[in-house]
Amino acid sequence: MPKDYSRGRRIADQIQRELSEIIRLELKDPRVNLVTITDVEVTQDNAHCKVFFTVLGDVEQQKMTSKTLEGASGFLRSALAKRLQLRTVPQLHFHYDISIERGVRLSQLIDVAVSGSSGNTTQ
């Protein structure tokens, strides 16, 4: 196994896979739908982890989903404990992932800049 793929990264990847499945199959809250877990960051002592997610919908949907996931963190943590072979399962902290929206916005700005500069060269 390469050195850059540390134990913490393997744990984070496993938590991401398992949480995605638990939310999809076991979390029966209608306020949480179409959620995608985009990344998980685990602290070195495995006590806490940041779970980054995206959800389809407006800002209100994002806030409601974030509140609901925070409220369900105990259930999700206990479900993770049943699936993972860890001494302690980290506390889950959910954060809305804005990187996708930021990427789309930057792509739009680049498209506008490129179309604006190409229009000036043809004149």
N, C-alpha and C. Protein backbone atom coordinates (compact mmCIF):
# COMPACT_ATOMS: atom_id res chain seq x y z
N MET A 1 0.85 -1.18 0.00
CA MET A 1 0.00 0.00 0.00
C MET A 1 0.89 1.24 0.00
N PRO A 2 0.67 2.20 -0.88
CA PRO A 2 1.50 3.40 -0.93
C PRO A 2 1.40 4.22 0.35
N LYS A 3 2.49 4.94 0.66
CA LYS A 3 2.52 5.73 1.88
C LYS A 3 1.49 6.85 1.90
N ASP A 4 1.20 7.44 0.74
CA ASP A 4 0.28 8.56 0.71
C ASP A 4 -1.17 8.15 0.96
N TYR A 5 -1.45 6.85 0.99
CA TYR A 5 -2.79 6.36 1.27
C TYR A 5 -2.79 5.86 2.71
N SER A 6 -2.89 6.78 3.65
CA SER A 6 -2.74 6.47 5.07
C SER A 6 -3.96 5.75 5.63
N ARG A 7 -3.81 5.31 6.85
CA ARG A 7 -4.91 4.62 7.53
C ARG A 7 -6.10 5.55 7.70
N GLY A 8 -5.82 6.82 8.03
CA GLY A 8 -6.89 7.80 8.18
C GLY A 8 -7.69 7.98 6.90
N ARG A 9 -7.01 7.99 5.76
CA ARG A 9 -7.70 8.14 4.47
C ARG A 9 -8.53 6.89 4.17
N ARG A 10 -8.01 5.71 4.50
CA ARG A 10 -8.78 4.48 4.28
C ARG A 10 -10.03 4.46 5.15
N ILE A 11 -9.90 4.90 6.41
CA ILE A 11 -11.06 4.97 7.31
C ILE A 11 -12.08 5.96 6.76
N ALA A 12 -11.60 7.11 6.30
CA ALA A 12 -12.51 8.13 5.75
C ALA A 12 -13.25 7.59 4.52
N ASP A 13 -12.55 6.89 3.66
CA ASP A 13 -13.19 6.32 2.47
C ASP A 13 -14.24 5.28 2.85
N GLN A 14 -13.92 4.45 3.83
CA GLN A 14 -14.88 3.44 4.29
C GLN A 14 -16.10 4.09 4.92
N ILE A 15 -15.89 5.13 5.72
CA ILE A 15 -17.01 5.84 6.34
C ILE A 15 -17.89 6.47 5.25
N GLN A 16 -17.28 7.04 4.23
CA GLN A 16 -18.03 7.65 3.13
C GLN A 16 -18.91 6.62 2.43
N ARG A 17 -18.34 5.46 2.12
CA ARG A 17 -19.12 4.41 1.45
C ARG A 17 -20.27 3.93 2.33
N GLU A 18 -19.96 3.65 3.59
CA GLU A 18 -20.99 3.11 4.49
C GLU A 18 -22.08 4.14 4.78
N LEU A 19 -21.69 5.40 5.02
CA LEU A 19 -22.70 6.43 5.29
C LEU A 19 -23.63 6.63 4.10
N SER A 20 -23.08 6.61 2.90
CA SER A 20 -23.91 6.75 1.70
C SER A 20 -24.97 5.66 1.66
N GLU A 21 -24.54 4.46 1.95
CA GLU A 21 -25.47 3.33 1.92
C GLU A 21 -26.49 3.41 3.06
N ILE A 22 -26.06 3.77 4.24
CA ILE A 22 -26.97 3.88 5.38
C ILE A 22 -28.02 4.95 5.13
N ILE A 23 -27.59 6.10 4.64
CA ILE A 23 -28.54 7.19 4.37
C ILE A 23 -29.53 6.77 3.29
N ARG A 24 -29.04 6.09 2.29
CA ARG A 24 -29.90 5.68 1.17
C ARG A 24 -30.89 4.59 1.57
N LEU A 25 -30.44 3.63 2.37
CA LEU A 25 -31.28 2.46 2.66
C LEU A 25 -31.96 2.45 4.02
N GLU A 26 -31.33 3.02 5.04
CA GLU A 26 -31.84 2.86 6.39
C GLU A 26 -32.45 4.11 7.01
N LEU A 27 -32.03 5.29 6.56
CA LEU A 27 -32.56 6.53 7.12
C LEU A 27 -33.92 6.80 6.50
N LYS A 28 -34.96 6.70 7.30
CA LYS A 28 -36.33 6.78 6.79
C LYS A 28 -36.94 8.16 7.03
N ASP A 29 -36.16 9.20 6.87
CA ASP A 29 -36.65 10.56 7.07
C ASP A 29 -36.94 11.18 5.71
N PRO A 30 -38.19 11.61 5.47
CA PRO A 30 -38.53 12.17 4.16
C PRO A 30 -37.83 13.50 3.87
N ARG A 31 -37.30 14.17 4.89
CA ARG A 31 -36.59 15.43 4.69
C ARG A 31 -35.21 15.21 4.10
N VAL A 32 -34.73 13.99 4.14
CA VAL A 32 -33.41 13.67 3.59
C VAL A 32 -33.60 12.80 2.36
N ASN A 33 -33.51 13.45 1.20
CA ASN A 33 -33.58 12.69 -0.05
C ASN A 33 -32.63 13.32 -1.04
N LEU A 34 -32.10 12.49 -1.92
CA LEU A 34 -31.15 12.90 -2.94
C LEU A 34 -29.91 13.55 -2.34
N VAL A 35 -29.39 12.94 -1.28
CA VAL A 35 -28.17 13.42 -0.62
C VAL A 35 -26.99 12.63 -1.18
N THR A 36 -25.91 13.34 -1.47
CA THR A 36 -24.68 12.71 -1.92
C THR A 36 -23.56 13.07 -0.96
N ILE A 37 -22.89 12.07 -0.42
CA ILE A 37 -21.74 12.30 0.44
C ILE A 37 -20.54 12.49 -0.48
N THR A 38 -19.97 13.70 -0.48
CA THR A 38 -18.89 14.00 -1.41
C THR A 38 -17.50 13.75 -0.83
N ASP A 39 -17.35 13.90 0.48
CA ASP A 39 -16.03 13.69 1.09
C ASP A 39 -16.19 13.51 2.59
N VAL A 40 -15.20 12.85 3.19
CA VAL A 40 -15.14 12.67 4.63
C VAL A 40 -13.71 12.93 5.06
N GLU A 41 -13.55 13.74 6.10
CA GLU A 41 -12.24 14.01 6.68
C GLU A 41 -12.26 13.55 8.13
N VAL A 42 -11.32 12.68 8.50
CA VAL A 42 -11.24 12.14 9.85
C VAL A 42 -10.03 12.75 10.55
N THR A 43 -10.21 13.14 11.83
CA THR A 43 -9.08 13.65 12.60
C THR A 43 -8.09 12.53 12.86
N GLN A 44 -6.87 12.89 13.24
CA GLN A 44 -5.83 11.88 13.44
C GLN A 44 -6.17 10.91 14.56
N ASP A 45 -6.89 11.37 15.58
CA ASP A 45 -7.24 10.48 16.69
C ASP A 45 -8.56 9.74 16.45
N ASN A 46 -9.16 9.90 15.28
CA ASN A 46 -10.41 9.24 14.90
C ASN A 46 -11.57 9.57 15.83
N ALA A 47 -11.51 10.71 16.50
CA ALA A 47 -12.58 11.10 17.41
C ALA A 47 -13.70 11.85 16.69
N HIS A 48 -13.35 12.56 15.64
CA HIS A 48 -14.33 13.38 14.92
C HIS A 48 -14.12 13.22 13.42
N CYS A 49 -15.18 13.41 12.68
CA CYS A 49 -15.02 13.47 11.23
C CYS A 49 -16.02 14.46 10.64
N LYS A 50 -15.53 15.17 9.63
CA LYS A 50 -16.37 16.10 8.88
C LYS A 50 -16.91 15.33 7.69
N VAL A 51 -18.21 15.38 7.53
CA VAL A 51 -18.87 14.72 6.41
C VAL A 51 -19.42 15.81 5.51
N PHE A 52 -18.90 15.89 4.29
CA PHE A 52 -19.34 16.89 3.33
C PHE A 52 -20.39 16.26 2.42
N PHE A 53 -21.50 16.99 2.21
CA PHE A 53 -22.59 16.45 1.41
C PHE A 53 -23.14 17.52 0.47
N THR A 54 -23.82 17.08 -0.56
CA THR A 54 -24.58 17.95 -1.43
C THR A 54 -26.00 17.40 -1.51
N VAL A 55 -26.91 18.28 -1.86
CA VAL A 55 -28.31 17.88 -1.98
C VAL A 55 -28.94 18.74 -3.08
N LEU A 56 -29.84 18.12 -3.83
CA LEU A 56 -30.56 18.89 -4.83
C LEU A 56 -31.61 19.75 -4.14
N GLY A 57 -31.72 20.98 -4.57
CA GLY A 57 -32.71 21.86 -3.99
C GLY A 57 -32.14 23.24 -3.71
N ASP A 58 -32.99 24.06 -3.15
CA ASP A 58 -32.60 25.43 -2.86
C ASP A 58 -31.92 25.52 -1.49
N VAL A 59 -31.66 26.75 -1.05
CA VAL A 59 -30.96 26.98 0.21
C VAL A 59 -31.76 26.43 1.39
N GLU A 60 -33.07 26.56 1.35
CA GLU A 60 -33.91 26.03 2.43
C GLU A 60 -33.78 24.51 2.53
N GLN A 61 -33.77 23.83 1.38
CA GLN A 61 -33.60 22.38 1.36
C GLN A 61 -32.24 22.00 1.95
N GLN A 62 -31.20 22.76 1.62
CA GLN A 62 -29.86 22.49 2.13
C GLN A 62 -29.83 22.63 3.65
N LYS A 63 -30.43 23.70 4.16
CA LYS A 63 -30.45 23.93 5.62
C LYS A 63 -31.24 22.84 6.33
N MET A 64 -32.38 22.47 5.77
CA MET A 64 -33.21 21.44 6.40
C MET A 64 -32.49 20.10 6.39
N THR A 65 -31.83 19.77 5.30
CA THR A 65 -31.09 18.52 5.21
C THR A 65 -29.94 18.51 6.20
N SER A 66 -29.24 19.63 6.33
CA SER A 66 -28.13 19.72 7.27
C SER A 66 -28.61 19.52 8.70
N LYS A 67 -29.71 20.17 9.07
CA LYS A 67 -30.28 20.00 10.42
C LYS A 67 -30.70 18.57 10.66
N THR A 68 -31.34 17.98 9.67
CA THR A 68 -31.83 16.60 9.80
C THR A 68 -30.67 15.62 9.95
N LEU A 69 -29.61 15.80 9.16
CA LEU A 69 -28.46 14.91 9.27
C LEU A 69 -27.77 15.07 10.62
N GLU A 70 -27.65 16.30 11.10
CA GLU A 70 -27.07 16.53 12.44
C GLU A 70 -27.92 15.85 13.50
N GLY A 71 -29.24 15.94 13.35
CA GLY A 71 -30.14 15.29 14.31
C GLY A 71 -30.05 13.77 14.26
N ALA A 72 -29.78 13.24 13.09
CA ALA A 72 -29.70 11.79 12.92
C ALA A 72 -28.28 11.26 13.12
N SER A 73 -27.35 12.13 13.54
CA SER A 73 -25.95 11.70 13.64
C SER A 73 -25.76 10.56 14.64
N GLY A 74 -26.55 10.53 15.70
CA GLY A 74 -26.45 9.43 16.67
C GLY A 74 -26.84 8.10 16.04
N PHE A 75 -27.95 8.09 15.32
CA PHE A 75 -28.38 6.89 14.62
C PHE A 75 -27.35 6.46 13.58
N LEU A 76 -26.85 7.44 12.81
CA LEU A 76 -25.87 7.13 11.77
C LEU A 76 -24.57 6.59 12.38
N ARG A 77 -24.17 7.16 13.50
CA ARG A 77 -22.94 6.71 14.16
C ARG A 77 -23.10 5.28 14.68
N SER A 78 -24.26 4.97 15.25
CA SER A 78 -24.47 3.61 15.76
C SER A 78 -24.56 2.61 14.61
N ALA A 79 -25.16 3.01 13.49
CA ALA A 79 -25.21 2.13 12.32
C ALA A 79 -23.81 1.91 11.76
N LEU A 80 -22.98 2.95 11.79
CA LEU A 80 -21.58 2.80 11.36
C LEU A 80 -20.83 1.83 12.27
N ALA A 81 -21.09 1.94 13.57
CA ALA A 81 -20.40 1.08 14.54
C ALA A 81 -20.66 -0.40 14.25
N LYS A 82 -21.85 -0.71 13.77
CA LYS A 82 -22.19 -2.10 13.46
C LYS A 82 -21.47 -2.59 12.20
N ARG A 83 -21.09 -1.66 11.33
CA ARG A 83 -20.48 -2.04 10.05
C ARG A 83 -18.96 -1.94 10.05
N LEU A 84 -18.39 -1.10 10.88
CA LEU A 84 -16.95 -0.86 10.86
C LEU A 84 -16.25 -1.64 11.97
N GLN A 85 -15.03 -2.04 11.71
CA GLN A 85 -14.23 -2.74 12.70
C GLN A 85 -13.28 -1.74 13.37
N LEU A 86 -13.85 -0.77 14.08
CA LEU A 86 -13.06 0.25 14.76
C LEU A 86 -13.34 0.21 16.25
N ARG A 87 -12.34 0.57 17.03
CA ARG A 87 -12.53 0.63 18.48
C ARG A 87 -13.51 1.74 18.84
N THR A 88 -13.31 2.91 18.25
CA THR A 88 -14.23 4.02 18.46
C THR A 88 -14.67 4.57 17.10
N VAL A 89 -15.93 4.83 16.99
CA VAL A 89 -16.47 5.42 15.76
C VAL A 89 -16.50 6.93 15.98
N PRO A 90 -15.97 7.70 15.03
CA PRO A 90 -15.89 9.14 15.22
C PRO A 90 -17.27 9.81 15.28
N GLN A 91 -17.31 10.95 15.98
CA GLN A 91 -18.52 11.76 15.98
C GLN A 91 -18.64 12.40 14.61
N LEU A 92 -19.87 12.46 14.12
CA LEU A 92 -20.11 12.96 12.77
C LEU A 92 -20.53 14.42 12.80
N HIS A 93 -19.89 15.22 11.96
CA HIS A 93 -20.22 16.64 11.82
C HIS A 93 -20.49 16.88 10.33
N PHE A 94 -21.71 17.30 10.01
CA PHE A 94 -22.11 17.44 8.61
C PHE A 94 -21.93 18.88 8.15
N HIS A 95 -21.37 19.02 6.93
CA HIS A 95 -21.13 20.33 6.32
C HIS A 95 -21.58 20.27 4.87
N TYR A 96 -22.32 21.30 4.45
CA TYR A 96 -22.73 21.37 3.06
C TYR A 96 -21.51 21.67 2.20
N ASP A 97 -21.32 20.93 1.12
CA ASP A 97 -20.16 21.07 0.25
C ASP A 97 -20.46 22.06 -0.86
N ILE A 98 -19.79 23.21 -0.83
CA ILE A 98 -20.03 24.25 -1.83
C ILE A 98 -19.07 24.15 -3.01
N SER A 99 -18.18 23.19 -2.99
CA SER A 99 -17.15 23.11 -4.04
C SER A 99 -17.75 22.87 -5.42
N ILE A 100 -18.82 22.11 -5.51
CA ILE A 100 -19.43 21.83 -6.81
C ILE A 100 -20.06 23.11 -7.36
N GLU A 101 -20.78 23.84 -6.51
CA GLU A 101 -21.38 25.11 -6.95
C GLU A 101 -20.29 26.10 -7.35
N ARG A 102 -19.22 26.15 -6.58
CA ARG A 102 -18.11 27.05 -6.89
C ARG A 102 -17.47 26.68 -8.23
N GLY A 103 -17.32 25.39 -8.49
CA GLY A 103 -16.75 24.93 -9.76
C GLY A 103 -17.63 25.30 -10.94
N VAL A 104 -18.94 25.15 -10.79
CA VAL A 104 -19.86 25.51 -11.87
C VAL A 104 -19.80 27.01 -12.13
N ARG A 105 -19.75 27.80 -11.05
CA ARG A 105 -19.67 29.26 -11.19
C ARG A 105 -18.38 29.68 -11.88
N LEU A 106 -17.26 29.09 -11.49
CA LEU A 106 -15.99 29.40 -12.15
C LEU A 106 -16.00 28.99 -13.62
N SER A 107 -16.60 27.86 -13.92
CA SER A 107 -16.69 27.41 -15.30
C SER A 107 -17.51 28.40 -16.13
N GLN A 108 -18.60 28.89 -15.55
CA GLN A 108 -19.41 29.89 -16.25
C GLN A 108 -18.62 31.16 -16.49
N LEU A 109 -17.86 31.61 -15.49
CA LEU A 109 -17.06 32.82 -15.64
C LEU A 109 -15.99 32.64 -16.72
N ILE A 110 -15.39 31.47 -16.77
CA ILE A 110 -14.38 31.19 -17.80
C ILE A 110 -15.02 31.20 -19.18
N ASP A 111 -16.20 30.58 -19.29
CA ASP A 111 -16.91 30.57 -20.58
C ASP A 111 -17.23 31.99 -21.05
N VAL A 112 -17.67 32.84 -20.11
CA VAL A 112 -17.98 34.23 -20.46
C VAL A 112 -16.71 34.96 -20.89
N ALA A 113 -15.62 34.75 -20.17
CA ALA A 113 -14.36 35.41 -20.50
C ALA A 113 -13.84 34.97 -21.86
N VAL A 114 -13.93 33.67 -22.15
CA VAL A 114 -13.45 33.14 -23.41
C VAL A 114 -14.31 33.65 -24.57
N SER A 115 -15.63 33.64 -24.39
CA SER A 115 -16.51 34.10 -25.47
C SER A 115 -16.35 35.61 -25.68
N GLY A 116 -16.08 36.36 -24.61
CA GLY A 116 -15.86 37.79 -24.73
C GLY A 116 -14.56 38.12 -25.43
N SER A 117 -13.51 37.38 -25.14
CA SER A 117 -12.21 37.65 -25.77
C SER A 117 -12.17 37.16 -27.20
N SER A 118 -12.88 36.08 -27.52
CA SER A 118 -12.89 35.59 -28.91
C SER A 118 -13.72 36.50 -29.79
N GLY A 119 -14.72 37.17 -29.23
CA GLY A 119 -15.52 38.11 -30.00
C GLY A 119 -14.74 39.34 -30.37
N ASN A 120 -13.79 39.76 -29.55
CA ASN A 120 -12.98 40.94 -29.81
C ASN A 120 -11.92 40.66 -30.86
N THR A 121 -11.45 39.43 -30.99
CA THR A 121 -10.37 39.13 -31.94
C THR A 121 -10.90 39.03 -33.37
N THR A 122 -12.19 38.81 -33.55
CA THR A 122 -12.72 38.66 -34.89
C THR A 122 -13.03 39.99 -35.54
N GLN A 123 -13.04 41.06 -34.77
CA GLN A 123 -13.37 42.37 -35.33
C GLN A 123 -12.19 43.05 -35.94
